[in-house]
Protein backbone atom coordinates (compact mmCIF):
# COMPACT_ATOMS: atom_id res chain seq x y z
CA UNK A 1 -0.03 -0.04 0.03
CA UNK A 2 2.81 2.33 0.91
CA UNK A 3 4.68 1.25 -2.27
CA UNK A 4 1.64 2.24 -4.17
CA UNK A 5 1.13 5.46 -2.72
CA UNK A 6 4.87 6.41 -3.13
CA UNK A 7 4.50 5.23 -6.97
CA UNK A 8 1.48 7.08 -7.16
CA UNK A 9 3.19 10.26 -6.02
CA UNK A 10 6.34 9.81 -8.27
CA UNK A 11 3.95 9.57 -11.23
CA UNK A 12 2.13 12.63 -10.06
CA UNK A 13 5.66 14.29 -10.11
CA UNK A 14 6.68 13.15 -13.48
CA UNK A 15 3.20 14.23 -15.13
CA UNK A 16 3.42 17.87 -12.98
CA UNK A 17 7.18 18.65 -14.04
CA UNK A 18 6.32 19.79 -17.82
CA UNK A 19 4.11 22.46 -16.88
CA UNK A 20 6.73 24.97 -15.31
CA UNK A 21 8.87 24.26 -17.98
CA UNK A 22 6.30 25.09 -20.52
CA UNK A 23 5.61 28.31 -19.07
CA UNK A 24 9.11 29.16 -18.59
CA UNK A 25 9.83 28.39 -22.13
CA UNK A 26 6.68 29.96 -23.55
CA UNK A 27 7.75 33.11 -21.11
CA UNK A 28 11.29 33.36 -22.59
CA UNK A 29 9.91 32.88 -26.49
CA UNK A 30 7.07 35.90 -25.61
CA UNK A 31 9.66 38.48 -23.78
CA UNK A 32 12.87 37.49 -25.23
CA UNK A 33 12.60 40.27 -27.92
CA UNK A 34 11.94 42.58 -25.27
CA UNK A 35 15.01 41.94 -23.27
CA UNK A 36 16.91 41.22 -25.92
CA UNK A 37 16.21 45.26 -26.79
CA UNK A 38 16.30 46.49 -23.24
CA UNK A 39 19.97 44.78 -23.38
CA UNK A 40 21.16 46.57 -26.61
CA UNK A 41 19.64 49.90 -25.62
CA UNK A 42 21.54 49.71 -22.38
CA UNK A 43 24.72 48.71 -24.19
CA UNK A 44 24.31 51.37 -26.83
CA UNK A 45 23.60 53.98 -24.03
CA UNK A 46 26.54 52.84 -22.06
CA UNK A 47 28.58 53.47 -25.46
CA UNK A 48 27.33 56.69 -25.97
CA UNK A 49 27.84 58.31 -22.27
CA UNK A 50 31.36 57.01 -22.70
CA UNK A 51 31.82 58.42 -25.71
CA UNK A 52 30.00 61.90 -24.87
CA UNK A 53 32.46 61.59 -21.73
CA UNK A 54 35.63 61.23 -23.72
CA UNK A 55 34.55 64.07 -25.77
CA UNK A 56 33.83 66.24 -23.70
CA UNK A 57 37.21 65.43 -21.86
CA UNK A 58 39.00 66.67 -24.86
CA UNK A 59 36.96 69.53 -25.66
CA UNK A 60 37.87 70.55 -22.39
CA UNK A 61 41.62 70.10 -22.16
CA UNK A 62 41.71 71.83 -25.74
CA UNK A 63 39.88 74.66 -24.39
CA UNK A 64 42.65 74.91 -21.58
CA UNK A 65 45.45 74.59 -23.81
CA UNK A 66 44.11 77.64 -26.07
CA UNK A 67 43.48 79.29 -22.85
CA UNK A 68 46.70 78.90 -21.69
CA UNK A 69 48.10 79.88 -25.05
CA UNK A 70 45.98 82.88 -25.16
CA UNK A 71 47.47 84.11 -21.94
CA UNK A 72 50.97 84.16 -22.82
CA UNK A 73 50.07 86.07 -26.33
CA UNK A 74 48.16 89.01 -24.05
CA UNK A 75 51.35 88.48 -21.74
CA UNK A 76 53.84 89.80 -23.92
CA UNK A 77 51.86 91.83 -26.46
CA UNK A 78 54.57 93.22 -28.36
CA UNK A 79 55.20 89.54 -29.82
CA UNK A 80 52.25 90.05 -32.24
CA UNK A 81 53.89 92.52 -33.80
CA UNK A 82 57.03 89.93 -34.82
CA UNK A 83 58.14 91.01 -38.14
CA UNK A 84 60.07 87.98 -38.75
CA UNK A 85 57.70 86.84 -41.63
CA UNK A 86 57.08 90.04 -43.11
CA UNK A 87 58.21 92.14 -46.48
CA UNK A 88 61.31 94.69 -45.11
CA UNK A 89 61.72 97.78 -46.82
CA UNK A 90 64.32 100.65 -46.10
CA UNK A 91 65.63 103.65 -47.44
CA UNK A 92 61.92 104.70 -48.21
CA UNK A 93 61.43 108.34 -48.68
CA UNK A 94 58.10 110.00 -47.60
CA UNK A 95 55.94 111.46 -50.64
CA UNK A 96 52.63 111.79 -49.05
CA UNK A 97 50.68 110.99 -46.45
CA UNK A 98 46.65 110.89 -45.68
CA UNK A 99 43.81 109.92 -43.72
CA UNK A 100 41.72 109.19 -47.34
CA UNK A 101 42.05 106.82 -50.03
CA UNK A 102 40.90 108.12 -53.78
CA UNK A 103 38.74 106.21 -55.27
CA UNK A 104 40.48 104.17 -57.70
CA UNK A 105 42.88 103.00 -54.54
CA UNK A 106 40.19 102.05 -52.50
CA UNK A 107 38.31 99.98 -55.17
CA UNK A 108 42.08 98.18 -55.81
CA UNK A 109 42.41 97.19 -52.56
CA UNK A 110 38.99 95.91 -51.67
CA UNK A 111 39.21 93.98 -54.91
CA UNK A 112 42.11 92.29 -54.13
CA UNK A 113 42.41 92.09 -50.15
CA UNK A 114 40.93 88.76 -50.09
CA UNK A 115 43.28 87.16 -52.28
CA UNK A 116 46.74 88.69 -50.82
CA UNK A 117 45.34 87.54 -47.07
CA UNK A 118 44.19 83.95 -47.89
CA UNK A 119 40.48 82.99 -47.94
CA UNK A 120 40.89 79.26 -47.43
CA UNK A 121 41.60 79.29 -43.83
CA UNK A 122 45.21 77.75 -43.94
CA UNK A 123 47.73 78.02 -41.35
CA UNK A 124 50.21 80.24 -42.21
CA UNK A 125 48.02 82.92 -44.07
CA UNK A 126 47.52 86.28 -43.00
CA UNK A 127 44.25 86.32 -40.84
CA UNK A 128 43.87 82.91 -41.96
CA UNK A 129 40.10 82.78 -43.00
CA UNK A 130 37.33 84.51 -44.97
CA UNK A 131 37.63 88.09 -45.40
CA UNK A 132 34.00 89.77 -44.38
CA UNK A 133 33.14 93.21 -45.20
CA UNK A 134 33.51 94.29 -41.55
CA UNK A 135 37.04 93.05 -41.88
CA UNK A 136 37.51 95.12 -45.17
CA UNK A 137 36.33 97.87 -43.70
CA UNK A 138 38.39 97.74 -40.39
CA UNK A 139 41.37 97.34 -42.29
CA UNK A 140 40.60 100.33 -44.46
CA UNK A 141 38.29 103.08 -42.54
CA UNK A 142 40.23 105.42 -40.29
CA UNK A 143 43.67 104.16 -41.95
CA UNK A 144 46.46 106.10 -42.57
CA UNK A 145 48.10 105.77 -46.09
CA UNK A 146 51.48 106.93 -46.62
CA UNK A 147 53.23 106.75 -50.08
CA UNK A 148 56.72 106.13 -49.95
CA UNK A 149 59.44 106.01 -53.02
CA UNK A 150 62.01 103.23 -52.83
CA UNK A 151 65.35 103.56 -53.45
CA UNK A 152 65.03 101.78 -56.77
CA UNK A 153 61.93 104.36 -57.66
CA UNK A 154 59.08 102.27 -57.13
CA UNK A 155 56.18 103.24 -55.25
CA UNK A 156 54.96 101.66 -52.13
CA UNK A 157 51.64 102.56 -49.98
CA UNK A 158 51.48 101.92 -46.36
CA UNK A 159 48.06 101.15 -45.16
CA UNK A 160 47.80 101.28 -41.29
CA UNK A 161 44.21 101.09 -39.17
CA UNK A 162 43.43 103.54 -36.23
CA UNK A 163 43.82 101.35 -32.86
CA UNK A 164 40.33 101.13 -32.14
CA UNK A 165 39.62 99.39 -35.82
CA UNK A 166 42.58 97.18 -34.86
CA UNK A 167 40.54 95.80 -31.95
CA UNK A 168 37.18 95.87 -33.65
CA UNK A 169 38.96 93.55 -36.55
CA UNK A 170 40.37 91.27 -33.86
CA UNK A 171 37.05 91.04 -32.22
CA UNK A 172 35.56 90.02 -35.23
CA UNK A 173 37.90 87.20 -36.56
CA UNK A 174 38.18 85.60 -33.08
CA UNK A 175 34.42 85.52 -32.99
CA UNK A 176 34.56 83.94 -36.49
CA UNK A 177 37.02 81.17 -35.36
CA UNK A 178 34.43 80.54 -32.13
CA UNK A 179 32.05 79.60 -34.77
CA UNK A 180 33.98 76.61 -36.03
CA UNK A 181 33.10 74.91 -32.74
CA UNK A 182 29.52 73.85 -31.44
CA UNK A 183 27.83 76.49 -29.40
CA UNK A 184 28.23 76.38 -25.79
CA UNK A 185 31.01 73.75 -26.24
CA UNK A 186 34.39 73.99 -23.89
CA UNK A 187 36.50 75.28 -26.94
CA UNK A 188 33.51 77.74 -28.20
CA UNK A 189 33.54 79.89 -25.14
CA UNK A 190 37.02 79.92 -24.49
CA UNK A 191 37.68 81.16 -27.93
CA UNK A 192 34.49 83.53 -27.87
CA UNK A 193 36.01 85.00 -24.65
CA UNK A 194 39.58 85.29 -25.70
CA UNK A 195 38.34 87.80 -28.30
CA UNK A 196 38.01 90.64 -25.85
CA UNK A 197 41.26 89.35 -23.82
CA UNK A 198 43.51 90.07 -27.23
CA UNK A 199 42.02 93.06 -28.17
CA UNK A 200 42.23 94.63 -24.91
CA UNK A 201 46.11 93.74 -24.87
CA UNK A 202 46.58 95.66 -28.06
CA UNK A 203 48.13 98.81 -27.97
CA UNK A 204 49.50 100.56 -31.47
CA UNK A 205 51.32 103.85 -31.74
CA UNK A 206 49.46 104.59 -34.97
CA UNK A 207 48.51 108.10 -33.59
CA UNK A 208 51.92 109.34 -32.90
CA UNK A 209 53.26 107.66 -36.74
CA UNK A 210 50.24 109.51 -38.25
CA UNK A 211 51.53 112.75 -36.28
CA UNK A 212 55.11 112.34 -37.39
CA UNK A 213 54.75 111.42 -40.76
CA UNK A 214 52.34 114.41 -41.50
CA UNK A 215 55.35 116.51 -39.89
CA UNK A 216 57.76 114.85 -41.98
CA UNK A 217 55.72 115.70 -45.00
CA UNK A 218 55.71 119.59 -44.05
CA UNK A 219 59.24 119.46 -44.60
CA UNK A 220 61.56 119.88 -47.55
CA UNK A 221 61.79 116.61 -49.53
CA UNK A 222 65.66 116.63 -48.80
CA UNK A 223 65.17 117.21 -44.79
CA UNK A 224 63.01 114.19 -44.62
CA UNK A 225 64.39 111.46 -42.70
CA UNK A 226 64.44 107.52 -44.82
CA UNK A 227 62.12 105.49 -43.22
CA UNK A 228 62.09 101.73 -42.75
CA UNK A 229 58.89 99.64 -42.80
CA UNK A 230 57.73 96.01 -42.15
CA UNK A 231 54.15 94.81 -43.34
CA UNK A 232 52.40 92.14 -45.44
CA UNK A 233 50.93 92.76 -48.97
CA UNK A 234 47.14 93.09 -49.28
CA UNK A 235 47.46 94.55 -52.84
CA UNK A 236 49.60 95.54 -55.53
CA UNK A 237 52.37 97.62 -53.84
CA UNK A 238 50.23 98.34 -51.36
CA UNK A 239 51.27 97.20 -47.58
CA UNK A 240 49.80 96.58 -44.23
CA UNK A 241 52.11 97.86 -41.87
CA UNK A 242 53.22 95.76 -38.74
CA UNK A 243 55.91 98.64 -37.19
CA UNK A 244 57.52 101.50 -38.77
CA UNK A 245 60.75 102.80 -38.01
CA UNK A 246 62.72 106.32 -38.83
CA UNK A 247 66.56 106.83 -39.54
CA UNK A 248 67.05 109.47 -37.03
CA UNK A 249 65.32 107.21 -34.48
CA UNK A 250 66.38 103.70 -33.30
CA UNK A 251 63.13 102.82 -31.98
CA UNK A 252 60.17 100.62 -33.86
CA UNK A 253 56.70 101.81 -33.97
CA UNK A 254 53.95 99.20 -33.51
CA UNK A 255 51.29 99.50 -36.54
CA UNK A 256 49.26 96.13 -36.80
CA UNK A 257 49.67 92.82 -34.66
CA UNK A 258 49.91 90.69 -38.05
CA UNK A 259 51.78 87.82 -36.27
CA UNK A 260 49.31 88.20 -33.38
CA UNK A 261 46.45 87.24 -34.98
CA UNK A 262 48.09 84.73 -37.40
CA UNK A 263 49.24 82.71 -34.35
CA UNK A 264 45.58 82.72 -32.65
CA UNK A 265 44.32 81.71 -36.16
CA UNK A 266 46.57 78.89 -36.55
CA UNK A 267 46.09 77.59 -32.83
CA UNK A 268 42.02 77.47 -33.67
CA UNK A 269 42.67 75.65 -36.56
CA UNK A 270 44.68 72.77 -35.09
CA UNK A 271 42.16 72.59 -32.12
């Protein structure tokens, strides 16, 4: 009797076992796609979070490097007037000085300035980017223009914007560079904020040079001291002056921070 009861229990157990297994199989088949989808989404989320963090760290690191570079530049603003890459002229004789351009010269400069300064954004070109109407206006408006004669009898025209125009040009250029980065990113913020730092550090001596050139123009031609000039061509025989000096004066006077703008541009383009 006991044996019969045990065999019935075992038989009952064998009979009931497939029921929960069937349920498990059914649930697995029913929910497997959803579980797999959740697992894949989780893995994708983890990867995206890791990629975002890596990108953000890289963005932050580049912004820190850029800020440190700008701090070095503004700590020694005279280095923005480095002339080693400039065209050098010596023994120049002043012919004429003016604060106004004639229409033919203005048209010549406006038509060719973009070609000379390089509009393809490549490092090493002056300004290293597009030449907007604002930049062109700042290069030419309120500028001092002086005409010189070289020892070979050729004519060279000097263009140098006023200090306020130089600062406006720098801020416009740096703001343009900042737009290369995603708005709100560390790099965008760092470059955008540096515009005011750099422009505030710029001090030129254009006003003094203008007064001195006008005084020289009032003297007889043979009494005028010869001039040495460093700068970059922006049109045919038109030079954007970086520094200028006079043979009766050992000092060089700062006109336009060409190299400073190039250095900032090249740094941003490498970021």
